[in-house]
């Protein structure tokens, strides 16, 4: 997320004095709630309203960014670390074209 967008989120929260409510626990709850609202848009059909999808995924991303800030986490670093872990768990020769979990691979 670029710095302008991050600052927009920070300013929005600061202007409303909402940081006091943004504990790590509350932010994680909010991420899950918003993700469930996104899932609900697909609950009974694969037809979806793109505008509503954008609104819900934006909420997930905003709360995630607030959580990252609160925890002092670097999104690039944690994503890169996780990809390195997944490269070990899901080697190309075993996982390419497969939806199996790494525990299901026959070594």
PDB file of N, CA and C in Angstrom:
ATOM      1  N   UNK A   1       0.855  -1.173   0.000  1.00  0.00           N
ATOM      2  CA  UNK A   1       0.000   0.000   0.000  1.00  0.00           C
ATOM      3  C   UNK A   1       0.897   1.231   0.000  1.00  0.00           C
ATOM      4  N   UNK A   2       0.587   2.181  -0.861  1.00  0.00           N
ATOM      5  CA  UNK A   2       1.474   3.342  -0.933  1.00  0.00           C
ATOM      6  C   UNK A   2       1.298   4.252   0.281  1.00  0.00           C
ATOM      7  N   UNK A   3       2.271   5.123   0.474  1.00  0.00           N
ATOM      8  CA  UNK A   3       2.299   5.980   1.664  1.00  0.00           C
ATOM      9  C   UNK A   3       1.112   6.934   1.728  1.00  0.00           C
ATOM     10  N   UNK A   4       0.645   7.418   0.574  1.00  0.00           N
ATOM     11  CA  UNK A   4      -0.510   8.325   0.570  1.00  0.00           C
ATOM     12  C   UNK A   4      -1.756   7.641   1.118  1.00  0.00           C
ATOM     13  N   UNK A   5      -1.972   6.399   0.708  1.00  0.00           N
ATOM     14  CA  UNK A   5      -3.134   5.657   1.191  1.00  0.00           C
ATOM     15  C   UNK A   5      -2.996   5.345   2.669  1.00  0.00           C
ATOM     16  N   UNK A   6      -1.803   4.975   3.088  1.00  0.00           N
ATOM     17  CA  UNK A   6      -1.578   4.726   4.515  1.00  0.00           C
ATOM     18  C   UNK A   6      -1.848   5.981   5.330  1.00  0.00           C
ATOM     19  N   UNK A   7      -1.400   7.118   4.835  1.00  0.00           N
ATOM     20  CA  UNK A   7      -1.631   8.376   5.555  1.00  0.00           C
ATOM     21  C   UNK A   7      -3.112   8.730   5.586  1.00  0.00           C
ATOM     22  N   UNK A   8      -3.815   8.469   4.502  1.00  0.00           N
ATOM     23  CA  UNK A   8      -5.256   8.703   4.449  1.00  0.00           C
ATOM     24  C   UNK A   8      -5.975   7.917   5.548  1.00  0.00           C
ATOM     25  N   UNK A   9      -5.592   6.658   5.722  1.00  0.00           N
ATOM     26  CA  UNK A   9      -6.178   5.825   6.778  1.00  0.00           C
ATOM     27  C   UNK A   9      -5.847   6.401   8.147  1.00  0.00           C
ATOM     28  N   UNK A  10      -4.586   6.747   8.377  1.00  0.00           N
ATOM     29  CA  UNK A  10      -4.166   7.304   9.674  1.00  0.00           C
ATOM     30  C   UNK A  10      -4.917   8.588   9.986  1.00  0.00           C
ATOM     31  N   UNK A  11      -5.041   9.465   9.007  1.00  0.00           N
ATOM     32  CA  UNK A  11      -5.743  10.731   9.213  1.00  0.00           C
ATOM     33  C   UNK A  11      -7.217  10.505   9.522  1.00  0.00           C
ATOM     34  N   UNK A  12      -7.843   9.597   8.800  1.00  0.00           N
ATOM     35  CA  UNK A  12      -9.255   9.279   9.019  1.00  0.00           C
ATOM     36  C   UNK A  12      -9.481   8.834  10.462  1.00  0.00           C
ATOM     37  N   UNK A  13      -8.624   7.927  10.935  1.00  0.00           N
ATOM     38  CA  UNK A  13      -8.748   7.412  12.306  1.00  0.00           C
ATOM     39  C   UNK A  13      -8.455   8.513  13.325  1.00  0.00           C
ATOM     40  N   UNK A  14      -7.408   9.287  13.091  1.00  0.00           N
ATOM     41  CA  UNK A  14      -7.015  10.336  14.034  1.00  0.00           C
ATOM     42  C   UNK A  14      -8.102  11.400  14.171  1.00  0.00           C
ATOM     43  N   UNK A  15      -8.682  11.827  13.064  1.00  0.00           N
ATOM     44  CA  UNK A  15      -9.729  12.855  13.091  1.00  0.00           C
ATOM     45  C   UNK A  15     -10.932  12.415  13.918  1.00  0.00           C
ATOM     46  N   UNK A  16     -11.163  11.131  13.997  1.00  0.00           N
ATOM     47  CA  UNK A  16     -12.318  10.601  14.719  1.00  0.00           C
ATOM     48  C   UNK A  16     -11.949  10.084  16.107  1.00  0.00           C
ATOM     49  N   UNK A  17     -10.662  10.161  16.464  1.00  0.00           N
ATOM     50  CA  UNK A  17     -10.163   9.678  17.756  1.00  0.00           C
ATOM     51  C   UNK A  17     -10.528   8.213  17.981  1.00  0.00           C
ATOM     52  N   UNK A  18     -10.331   7.408  16.951  1.00  0.00           N
ATOM     53  CA  UNK A  18     -10.687   5.991  17.035  1.00  0.00           C
ATOM     54  C   UNK A  18      -9.530   5.092  17.424  1.00  0.00           C
ATOM     55  N   UNK A  19      -8.317   5.614  17.451  1.00  0.00           N
ATOM     56  CA  UNK A  19      -7.176   4.762  17.780  1.00  0.00           C
ATOM     57  C   UNK A  19      -7.342   4.115  19.151  1.00  0.00           C
ATOM     58  N   UNK A  20      -8.030   4.807  20.044  1.00  0.00           N
ATOM     59  CA  UNK A  20      -8.248   4.265  21.391  1.00  0.00           C
ATOM     60  C   UNK A  20      -9.002   2.926  21.366  1.00  0.00           C
ATOM     61  N   UNK A  21      -9.735   2.672  20.318  1.00  0.00           N
ATOM     62  CA  UNK A  21     -10.506   1.434  20.192  1.00  0.00           C
ATOM     63  C   UNK A  21      -9.761   0.359  19.395  1.00  0.00           C
ATOM     64  N   UNK A  22      -8.663   0.751  18.797  1.00  0.00           N
ATOM     65  CA  UNK A  22      -7.959  -0.136  17.874  1.00  0.00           C
ATOM     66  C   UNK A  22      -6.880  -0.955  18.581  1.00  0.00           C
ATOM     67  N   UNK A  23      -7.322  -1.801  19.491  1.00  0.00           N
ATOM     68  CA  UNK A  23      -6.397  -2.756  20.100  1.00  0.00           C
ATOM     69  C   UNK A  23      -6.133  -3.857  19.083  1.00  0.00           C
ATOM     70  N   UNK A  24      -5.028  -4.564  19.216  1.00  0.00           N
ATOM     71  CA  UNK A  24      -4.796  -5.677  18.289  1.00  0.00           C
ATOM     72  C   UNK A  24      -5.983  -6.647  18.251  1.00  0.00           C
ATOM     73  N   UNK A  25      -6.529  -6.967  19.409  1.00  0.00           N
ATOM     74  CA  UNK A  25      -7.663  -7.888  19.469  1.00  0.00           C
ATOM     75  C   UNK A  25      -8.863  -7.349  18.700  1.00  0.00           C
ATOM     76  N   UNK A  26      -9.201  -6.078  18.895  1.00  0.00           N
ATOM     77  CA  UNK A  26     -10.345  -5.495  18.192  1.00  0.00           C
ATOM     78  C   UNK A  26     -10.112  -5.427  16.689  1.00  0.00           C
ATOM     79  N   UNK A  27      -8.898  -5.134  16.292  1.00  0.00           N
ATOM     80  CA  UNK A  27      -8.593  -5.061  14.864  1.00  0.00           C
ATOM     81  C   UNK A  27      -8.685  -6.432  14.204  1.00  0.00           C
ATOM     82  N   UNK A  28      -8.193  -7.465  14.892  1.00  0.00           N
ATOM     83  CA  UNK A  28      -8.294  -8.818  14.338  1.00  0.00           C
ATOM     84  C   UNK A  28      -9.759  -9.234  14.226  1.00  0.00           C
ATOM     85  N   UNK A  29     -10.533  -8.920  15.232  1.00  0.00           N
ATOM     86  CA  UNK A  29     -11.971  -9.219  15.154  1.00  0.00           C
ATOM     87  C   UNK A  29     -12.591  -8.517  13.953  1.00  0.00           C
ATOM     88  N   UNK A  30     -12.221  -7.277  13.746  1.00  0.00           N
ATOM     89  CA  UNK A  30     -12.775  -6.496  12.637  1.00  0.00           C
ATOM     90  C   UNK A  30     -12.365  -7.073  11.285  1.00  0.00           C
ATOM     91  N   UNK A  31     -11.125  -7.556  11.173  1.00  0.00           N
ATOM     92  CA  UNK A  31     -10.676  -8.187   9.929  1.00  0.00           C
ATOM     93  C   UNK A  31     -11.563  -9.395   9.618  1.00  0.00           C
ATOM     94  N   UNK A  32     -11.789 -10.221  10.617  1.00  0.00           N
ATOM     95  CA  UNK A  32     -12.584 -11.436  10.414  1.00  0.00           C
ATOM     96  C   UNK A  32     -14.036 -11.090  10.086  1.00  0.00           C
ATOM     97  N   UNK A  33     -14.590 -10.119  10.777  1.00  0.00           N
ATOM     98  CA  UNK A  33     -15.973  -9.704  10.521  1.00  0.00           C
ATOM     99  C   UNK A  33     -16.116  -9.197   9.090  1.00  0.00           C
ATOM    100  N   UNK A  34     -15.201  -8.350   8.667  1.00  0.00           N
ATOM    101  CA  UNK A  34     -15.276  -7.809   7.305  1.00  0.00           C
ATOM    102  C   UNK A  34     -15.036  -8.888   6.260  1.00  0.00           C
ATOM    103  N   UNK A  35     -14.144  -9.836   6.549  1.00  0.00           N
ATOM    104  CA  UNK A  35     -13.924 -10.950   5.623  1.00  0.00           C
ATOM    105  C   UNK A  35     -15.190 -11.796   5.506  1.00  0.00           C
ATOM    106  N   UNK A  36     -15.898 -11.963   6.607  1.00  0.00           N
ATOM    107  CA  UNK A  36     -17.165 -12.703   6.562  1.00  0.00           C
ATOM    108  C   UNK A  36     -18.209 -11.952   5.743  1.00  0.00           C
ATOM    109  N   UNK A  37     -18.222 -10.637   5.848  1.00  0.00           N
ATOM    110  CA  UNK A  37     -19.150  -9.841   5.035  1.00  0.00           C
ATOM    111  C   UNK A  37     -18.814  -9.972   3.548  1.00  0.00           C
ATOM    112  N   UNK A  38     -17.529 -10.059   3.224  1.00  0.00           N
ATOM    113  CA  UNK A  38     -17.113 -10.297   1.844  1.00  0.00           C
ATOM    114  C   UNK A  38     -17.588 -11.675   1.384  1.00  0.00           C
ATOM    115  N   UNK A  39     -17.393 -12.668   2.209  1.00  0.00           N
ATOM    116  CA  UNK A  39     -17.827 -14.027   1.882  1.00  0.00           C
ATOM    117  C   UNK A  39     -19.338 -14.098   1.688  1.00  0.00           C
ATOM    118  N   UNK A  40     -20.060 -13.350   2.486  1.00  0.00           N
ATOM    119  CA  UNK A  40     -21.516 -13.362   2.402  1.00  0.00           C
ATOM    120  C   UNK A  40     -22.014 -12.933   1.021  1.00  0.00           C
ATOM    121  N   UNK A  41     -21.258 -12.078   0.357  1.00  0.00           N
ATOM    122  CA  UNK A  41     -21.644 -11.630  -0.982  1.00  0.00           C
ATOM    123  C   UNK A  41     -21.667 -12.783  -1.983  1.00  0.00           C
ATOM    124  N   UNK A  42     -20.982 -13.880  -1.667  1.00  0.00           N
ATOM    125  CA  UNK A  42     -20.913 -15.047  -2.542  1.00  0.00           C
ATOM    126  C   UNK A  42     -21.654 -16.251  -1.947  1.00  0.00           C
ATOM    127  N   UNK A  43     -22.402 -16.031  -0.878  1.00  0.00           N
ATOM    128  CA  UNK A  43     -22.988 -17.134  -0.120  1.00  0.00           C
ATOM    129  C   UNK A  43     -23.868 -18.060  -0.947  1.00  0.00           C
ATOM    130  N   UNK A  44     -24.762 -17.529  -1.743  1.00  0.00           N
ATOM    131  CA  UNK A  44     -25.715 -18.372  -2.446  1.00  0.00           C
ATOM    132  C   UNK A  44     -25.537 -18.378  -3.953  1.00  0.00           C
ATOM    133  N   UNK A  45     -24.575 -17.615  -4.430  1.00  0.00           N
ATOM    134  CA  UNK A  45     -24.423 -17.506  -5.871  1.00  0.00           C
ATOM    135  C   UNK A  45     -23.039 -16.982  -6.212  1.00  0.00           C
ATOM    136  N   UNK A  46     -22.583 -17.319  -7.390  1.00  0.00           N
ATOM    137  CA  UNK A  46     -21.314 -16.761  -7.847  1.00  0.00           C
ATOM    138  C   UNK A  46     -21.519 -15.405  -8.512  1.00  0.00           C
ATOM    139  N   UNK A  47     -22.785 -14.987  -8.649  1.00  0.00           N
ATOM    140  CA  UNK A  47     -23.070 -13.631  -9.121  1.00  0.00           C
ATOM    141  C   UNK A  47     -22.740 -12.675  -7.979  1.00  0.00           C
ATOM    142  N   UNK A  48     -22.130 -11.572  -8.297  1.00  0.00           N
ATOM    143  CA  UNK A  48     -21.782 -10.635  -7.243  1.00  0.00           C
ATOM    144  C   UNK A  48     -21.843  -9.211  -7.755  1.00  0.00           C
ATOM    145  N   UNK A  49     -21.988  -8.314  -6.824  1.00  0.00           N
ATOM    146  CA  UNK A  49     -21.989  -6.888  -7.104  1.00  0.00           C
ATOM    147  C   UNK A  49     -20.563  -6.383  -6.878  1.00  0.00           C
ATOM    148  N   UNK A  50     -19.897  -5.993  -7.947  1.00  0.00           N
ATOM    149  CA  UNK A  50     -18.490  -5.596  -7.862  1.00  0.00           C
ATOM    150  C   UNK A  50     -18.280  -4.427  -6.901  1.00  0.00           C
ATOM    151  N   UNK A  51     -19.201  -3.476  -6.889  1.00  0.00           N
ATOM    152  CA  UNK A  51     -19.071  -2.320  -5.991  1.00  0.00           C
ATOM    153  C   UNK A  51     -19.073  -2.770  -4.526  1.00  0.00           C
ATOM    154  N   UNK A  52     -19.967  -3.686  -4.193  1.00  0.00           N
ATOM    155  CA  UNK A  52     -20.024  -4.183  -2.811  1.00  0.00           C
ATOM    156  C   UNK A  52     -18.778  -5.004  -2.471  1.00  0.00           C
ATOM    157  N   UNK A  53     -18.302  -5.794  -3.433  1.00  0.00           N
ATOM    158  CA  UNK A  53     -17.064  -6.544  -3.224  1.00  0.00           C
ATOM    159  C   UNK A  53     -15.920  -5.578  -2.929  1.00  0.00           C
ATOM    160  N   UNK A  54     -15.830  -4.515  -3.696  1.00  0.00           N
ATOM    161  CA  UNK A  54     -14.768  -3.519  -3.482  1.00  0.00           C
ATOM    162  C   UNK A  54     -14.872  -2.888  -2.101  1.00  0.00           C
ATOM    163  N   UNK A  55     -16.085  -2.576  -1.672  1.00  0.00           N
ATOM    164  CA  UNK A  55     -16.277  -1.987  -0.345  1.00  0.00           C
ATOM    165  C   UNK A  55     -15.817  -2.934   0.757  1.00  0.00           C
ATOM    166  N   UNK A  56     -16.192  -4.196   0.649  1.00  0.00           N
ATOM    167  CA  UNK A  56     -15.844  -5.153   1.703  1.00  0.00           C
ATOM    168  C   UNK A  56     -14.362  -5.491   1.709  1.00  0.00           C
ATOM    169  N   UNK A  57     -13.761  -5.665   0.537  1.00  0.00           N
ATOM    170  CA  UNK A  57     -12.325  -5.969   0.518  1.00  0.00           C
ATOM    171  C   UNK A  57     -11.531  -4.754   0.997  1.00  0.00           C
ATOM    172  N   UNK A  58     -12.031  -3.555   0.717  1.00  0.00           N
ATOM    173  CA  UNK A  58     -11.372  -2.345   1.233  1.00  0.00           C
ATOM    174  C   UNK A  58     -11.400  -2.339   2.759  1.00  0.00           C
ATOM    175  N   UNK A  59     -12.531  -2.729   3.344  1.00  0.00           N
ATOM    176  CA  UNK A  59     -12.611  -2.792   4.805  1.00  0.00           C
ATOM    177  C   UNK A  59     -11.598  -3.789   5.369  1.00  0.00           C
ATOM    178  N   UNK A  60     -11.481  -4.953   4.727  1.00  0.00           N
ATOM    179  CA  UNK A  60     -10.504  -5.955   5.169  1.00  0.00           C
ATOM    180  C   UNK A  60      -9.095  -5.379   5.099  1.00  0.00           C
ATOM    181  N   UNK A  61      -8.787  -4.718   4.006  1.00  0.00           N
ATOM    182  CA  UNK A  61      -7.442  -4.171   3.810  1.00  0.00           C
ATOM    183  C   UNK A  61      -7.154  -3.039   4.798  1.00  0.00           C
ATOM    184  N   UNK A  62      -8.130  -2.172   5.013  1.00  0.00           N
ATOM    185  CA  UNK A  62      -7.946  -1.062   5.952  1.00  0.00           C
ATOM    186  C   UNK A  62      -7.671  -1.589   7.352  1.00  0.00           C
ATOM    187  N   UNK A  63      -8.504  -2.515   7.820  1.00  0.00           N
ATOM    188  CA  UNK A  63      -8.289  -3.069   9.160  1.00  0.00           C
ATOM    189  C   UNK A  63      -6.965  -3.825   9.242  1.00  0.00           C
ATOM    190  N   UNK A  64      -6.584  -4.500   8.167  1.00  0.00           N
ATOM    191  CA  UNK A  64      -5.302  -5.203   8.155  1.00  0.00           C
ATOM    192  C   UNK A  64      -4.152  -4.215   8.258  1.00  0.00           C
ATOM    193  N   UNK A  65      -4.237  -3.104   7.530  1.00  0.00           N
ATOM    194  CA  UNK A  65      -3.180  -2.094   7.601  1.00  0.00           C
ATOM    195  C   UNK A  65      -3.105  -1.480   8.994  1.00  0.00           C
ATOM    196  N   UNK A  66      -4.248  -1.216   9.592  1.00  0.00           N
ATOM    197  CA  UNK A  66      -4.264  -0.692  10.968  1.00  0.00           C
ATOM    198  C   UNK A  66      -3.627  -1.686  11.936  1.00  0.00           C
ATOM    199  N   UNK A  67      -3.927  -2.969  11.748  1.00  0.00           N
ATOM    200  CA  UNK A  67      -3.333  -4.006  12.588  1.00  0.00           C
ATOM    201  C   UNK A  67      -1.817  -4.055  12.409  1.00  0.00           C
ATOM    202  N   UNK A  68      -1.361  -4.025  11.155  1.00  0.00           N
ATOM    203  CA  UNK A  68       0.076  -4.025  10.889  1.00  0.00           C
ATOM    204  C   UNK A  68       0.766  -2.857  11.580  1.00  0.00           C
ATOM    205  N   UNK A  69       0.162  -1.682  11.467  1.00  0.00           N
ATOM    206  CA  UNK A  69       0.736  -0.496  12.118  1.00  0.00           C
ATOM    207  C   UNK A  69       0.779  -0.666  13.628  1.00  0.00           C
ATOM    208  N   UNK A  70      -0.321  -1.131  14.200  1.00  0.00           N
ATOM    209  CA  UNK A  70      -0.411  -1.291  15.651  1.00  0.00           C
ATOM    210  C   UNK A  70       0.636  -2.276  16.167  1.00  0.00           C
ATOM    211  N   UNK A  71       0.892  -3.329  15.387  1.00  0.00           N
ATOM    212  CA  UNK A  71       1.831  -4.370  15.800  1.00  0.00           C
ATOM    213  C   UNK A  71       3.270  -4.074  15.378  1.00  0.00           C
ATOM    214  N   UNK A  72       3.457  -2.997  14.605  1.00  0.00           N
ATOM    215  CA  UNK A  72       4.798  -2.661  14.141  1.00  0.00           C
ATOM    216  C   UNK A  72       5.335  -3.674  13.139  1.00  0.00           C
ATOM    217  N   UNK A  73       4.448  -4.199  12.301  1.00  0.00           N
ATOM    218  CA  UNK A  73       4.832  -5.213  11.327  1.00  0.00           C
ATOM    219  C   UNK A  73       5.026  -4.602   9.946  1.00  0.00           C
ATOM    220  N   UNK A  74       5.980  -5.164   9.227  1.00  0.00           N
ATOM    221  CA  UNK A  74       6.282  -4.727   7.866  1.00  0.00           C
ATOM    222  C   UNK A  74       5.640  -5.699   6.892  1.00  0.00           C
ATOM    223  N   UNK A  75       4.658  -5.255   6.148  1.00  0.00           N
ATOM    224  CA  UNK A  75       3.914  -6.150   5.256  1.00  0.00           C
ATOM    225  C   UNK A  75       4.821  -6.818   4.236  1.00  0.00           C
ATOM    226  N   UNK A  76       5.747  -6.084   3.653  1.00  0.00           N
ATOM    227  CA  UNK A  76       6.634  -6.686   2.651  1.00  0.00           C
ATOM    228  C   UNK A  76       7.478  -7.789   3.269  1.00  0.00           C
ATOM    229  N   UNK A  77       8.024  -7.542   4.437  1.00  0.00           N
ATOM    230  CA  UNK A  77       8.863  -8.533   5.104  1.00  0.00           C
ATOM    231  C   UNK A  77       8.106  -9.791   5.468  1.00  0.00           C
ATOM    232  N   UNK A  78       6.918  -9.638   6.040  1.00  0.00           N
ATOM    233  CA  UNK A  78       6.187 -10.829   6.465  1.00  0.00           C
ATOM    234  C   UNK A  78       5.663 -11.623   5.267  1.00  0.00           C
ATOM    235  N   UNK A  79       5.282 -10.939   4.186  1.00  0.00           N
ATOM    236  CA  UNK A  79       4.827 -11.652   2.991  1.00  0.00           C
ATOM    237  C   UNK A  79       6.005 -12.387   2.347  1.00  0.00           C
ATOM    238  N   UNK A  80       7.147 -11.733   2.246  1.00  0.00           N
ATOM    239  CA  UNK A  80       8.324 -12.383   1.664  1.00  0.00           C
ATOM    240  C   UNK A  80       8.749 -13.588   2.494  1.00  0.00           C
ATOM    241  N   UNK A  81       8.725 -13.456   3.828  1.00  0.00           N
ATOM    242  CA  UNK A  81       9.064 -14.593   4.694  1.00  0.00           C
ATOM    243  C   UNK A  81       8.101 -15.755   4.471  1.00  0.00           C
ATOM    244  N   UNK A  82       6.812 -15.461   4.366  1.00  0.00           N
ATOM    245  CA  UNK A  82       5.811 -16.515   4.176  1.00  0.00           C
ATOM    246  C   UNK A  82       5.967 -17.194   2.815  1.00  0.00           C
ATOM    247  N   UNK A  83       6.288 -16.441   1.788  1.00  0.00           N
ATOM    248  CA  UNK A  83       6.518 -17.046   0.471  1.00  0.00           C
ATOM    249  C   UNK A  83       7.712 -17.997   0.536  1.00  0.00           C
ATOM    250  N   UNK A  84       8.772 -17.607   1.231  1.00  0.00           N
ATOM    251  CA  UNK A  84       9.942 -18.499   1.375  1.00  0.00           C
ATOM    252  C   UNK A  84       9.554 -19.791   2.100  1.00  0.00           C
ATOM    253  N   UNK A  85       8.741 -19.681   3.136  1.00  0.00           N
ATOM    254  CA  UNK A  85       8.265 -20.871   3.857  1.00  0.00           C
ATOM    255  C   UNK A  85       7.426 -21.746   2.922  1.00  0.00           C
ATOM    256  N   UNK A  86       6.531 -21.110   2.166  1.00  0.00           N
ATOM    257  CA  UNK A  86       5.659 -21.858   1.256  1.00  0.00           C
ATOM    258  C   UNK A  86       6.435 -22.510   0.107  1.00  0.00           C
ATOM    259  N   UNK A  87       7.529 -21.885  -0.308  1.00  0.00           N
ATOM    260  CA  UNK A  87       8.356 -22.494  -1.358  1.00  0.00           C
ATOM    261  C   UNK A  87       8.922 -23.835  -0.893  1.00  0.00           C
ATOM    262  N   UNK A  88       9.222 -23.933   0.394  1.00  0.00           N
ATOM    263  CA  UNK A  88       9.726 -25.187   0.958  1.00  0.00           C
ATOM    264  C   UNK A  88       8.584 -26.200   1.102  1.00  0.00           C
ATOM    265  N   UNK A  89       7.448 -25.734   1.602  1.00  0.00           N
ATOM    266  CA  UNK A  89       6.299 -26.620   1.817  1.00  0.00           C
ATOM    267  C   UNK A  89       5.684 -27.099   0.502  1.00  0.00           C
ATOM    268  N   UNK A  90       5.754 -26.255  -0.517  1.00  0.00           N
ATOM    269  CA  UNK A  90       5.115 -26.545  -1.807  1.00  0.00           C
ATOM    270  C   UNK A  90       6.128 -26.489  -2.952  1.00  0.00           C
ATOM    271  N   UNK A  91       7.043 -27.468  -3.000  1.00  0.00           N
ATOM    272  CA  UNK A  91       8.001 -27.457  -4.104  1.00  0.00           C
ATOM    273  C   UNK A  91       7.264 -27.628  -5.435  1.00  0.00           C
ATOM    274  N   UNK A  92       7.760 -26.969  -6.448  1.00  0.00           N
ATOM    275  CA  UNK A  92       7.100 -26.961  -7.756  1.00  0.00           C
ATOM    276  C   UNK A  92       6.865 -28.377  -8.266  1.00  0.00           C
ATOM    277  N   UNK A  93       7.838 -29.248  -8.119  1.00  0.00           N
ATOM    278  CA  UNK A  93       7.703 -30.597  -8.682  1.00  0.00           C
ATOM    279  C   UNK A  93       6.578 -31.403  -8.019  1.00  0.00           C
ATOM    280  N   UNK A  94       6.156 -31.034  -6.810  1.00  0.00           N
ATOM    281  CA  UNK A  94       5.070 -31.747  -6.142  1.00  0.00           C
ATOM    282  C   UNK A  94       3.745 -30.995  -6.176  1.00  0.00           C
ATOM    283  N   UNK A  95       3.806 -29.700  -6.304  1.00  0.00           N
ATOM    284  CA  UNK A  95       2.587 -28.909  -6.144  1.00  0.00           C
ATOM    285  C   UNK A  95       2.029 -28.312  -7.435  1.00  0.00           C
ATOM    286  N   UNK A  96       2.811 -28.301  -8.488  1.00  0.00           N
ATOM    287  CA  UNK A  96       2.358 -27.662  -9.721  1.00  0.00           C
ATOM    288  C   UNK A  96       1.072 -28.317 -10.235  1.00  0.00           C
ATOM    289  N   UNK A  97       0.047 -27.501 -10.404  1.00  0.00           N
ATOM    290  CA  UNK A  97      -1.229 -27.986 -10.911  1.00  0.00           C
ATOM    291  C   UNK A  97      -2.047 -28.779  -9.908  1.00  0.00           C
ATOM    292  N   UNK A  98      -1.627 -28.784  -8.655  1.00  0.00           N
ATOM    293  CA  UNK A  98      -2.314 -29.562  -7.626  1.00  0.00           C
ATOM    294  C   UNK A  98      -2.886 -28.637  -6.551  1.00  0.00           C
ATOM    295  N   UNK A  99      -4.049 -28.988  -6.045  1.00  0.00           N
ATOM    296  CA  UNK A  99      -4.639 -28.213  -4.954  1.00  0.00           C
ATOM    297  C   UNK A  99      -4.443 -28.917  -3.609  1.00  0.00           C
ATOM    298  N   UNK A 100      -3.623 -29.964  -3.590  1.00  0.00           N
ATOM    299  CA  UNK A 100      -3.382 -30.703  -2.354  1.00  0.00           C
ATOM    300  C   UNK A 100      -2.640 -29.845  -1.345  1.00  0.00           C
ATOM    301  N   UNK A 101      -2.947 -30.102  -0.073  1.00  0.00           N
ATOM    302  CA  UNK A 101      -2.189 -29.486   1.006  1.00  0.00           C
ATOM    303  C   UNK A 101      -0.834 -30.188   1.077  1.00  0.00           C
ATOM    304  N   UNK A 102       0.188 -29.493   1.517  1.00  0.00           N
ATOM    305  CA  UNK A 102       1.536 -30.050   1.535  1.00  0.00           C
ATOM    306  C   UNK A 102       1.631 -31.345   2.330  1.00  0.00           C
ATOM    307  N   UNK A 103       0.754 -31.535   3.305  1.00  0.00           N
ATOM    308  CA  UNK A 103       0.783 -32.769   4.107  1.00  0.00           C
ATOM    309  C   UNK A 103       0.281 -33.977   3.312  1.00  0.00           C
ATOM    310  N   UNK A 104      -0.307 -33.741   2.154  1.00  0.00           N
ATOM    311  CA  UNK A 104      -0.830 -34.817   1.315  1.00  0.00           C
ATOM    312  C   UNK A 104       0.147 -35.259   0.227  1.00  0.00           C
ATOM    313  N   UNK A 105       1.257 -34.563   0.094  1.00  0.00           N
ATOM    314  CA  UNK A 105       2.215 -34.929  -0.942  1.00  0.00           C
ATOM    315  C   UNK A 105       2.876 -36.261  -0.617  1.00  0.00           C
ATOM    316  N   UNK A 106       3.057 -37.055  -1.644  1.00  0.00           N
ATOM    317  CA  UNK A 106       3.787 -38.308  -1.494  1.00  0.00           C
ATOM    318  C   UNK A 106       5.240 -38.024  -1.828  1.00  0.00           C
ATOM    319  N   UNK A 107       6.076 -38.173  -0.834  1.00  0.00           N
ATOM    320  CA  UNK A 107       7.497 -37.872  -1.037  1.00  0.00           C
ATOM    321  C   UNK A 107       8.216 -39.049  -1.520  1.00  0.00           C
TER     322      UNK A 107
END
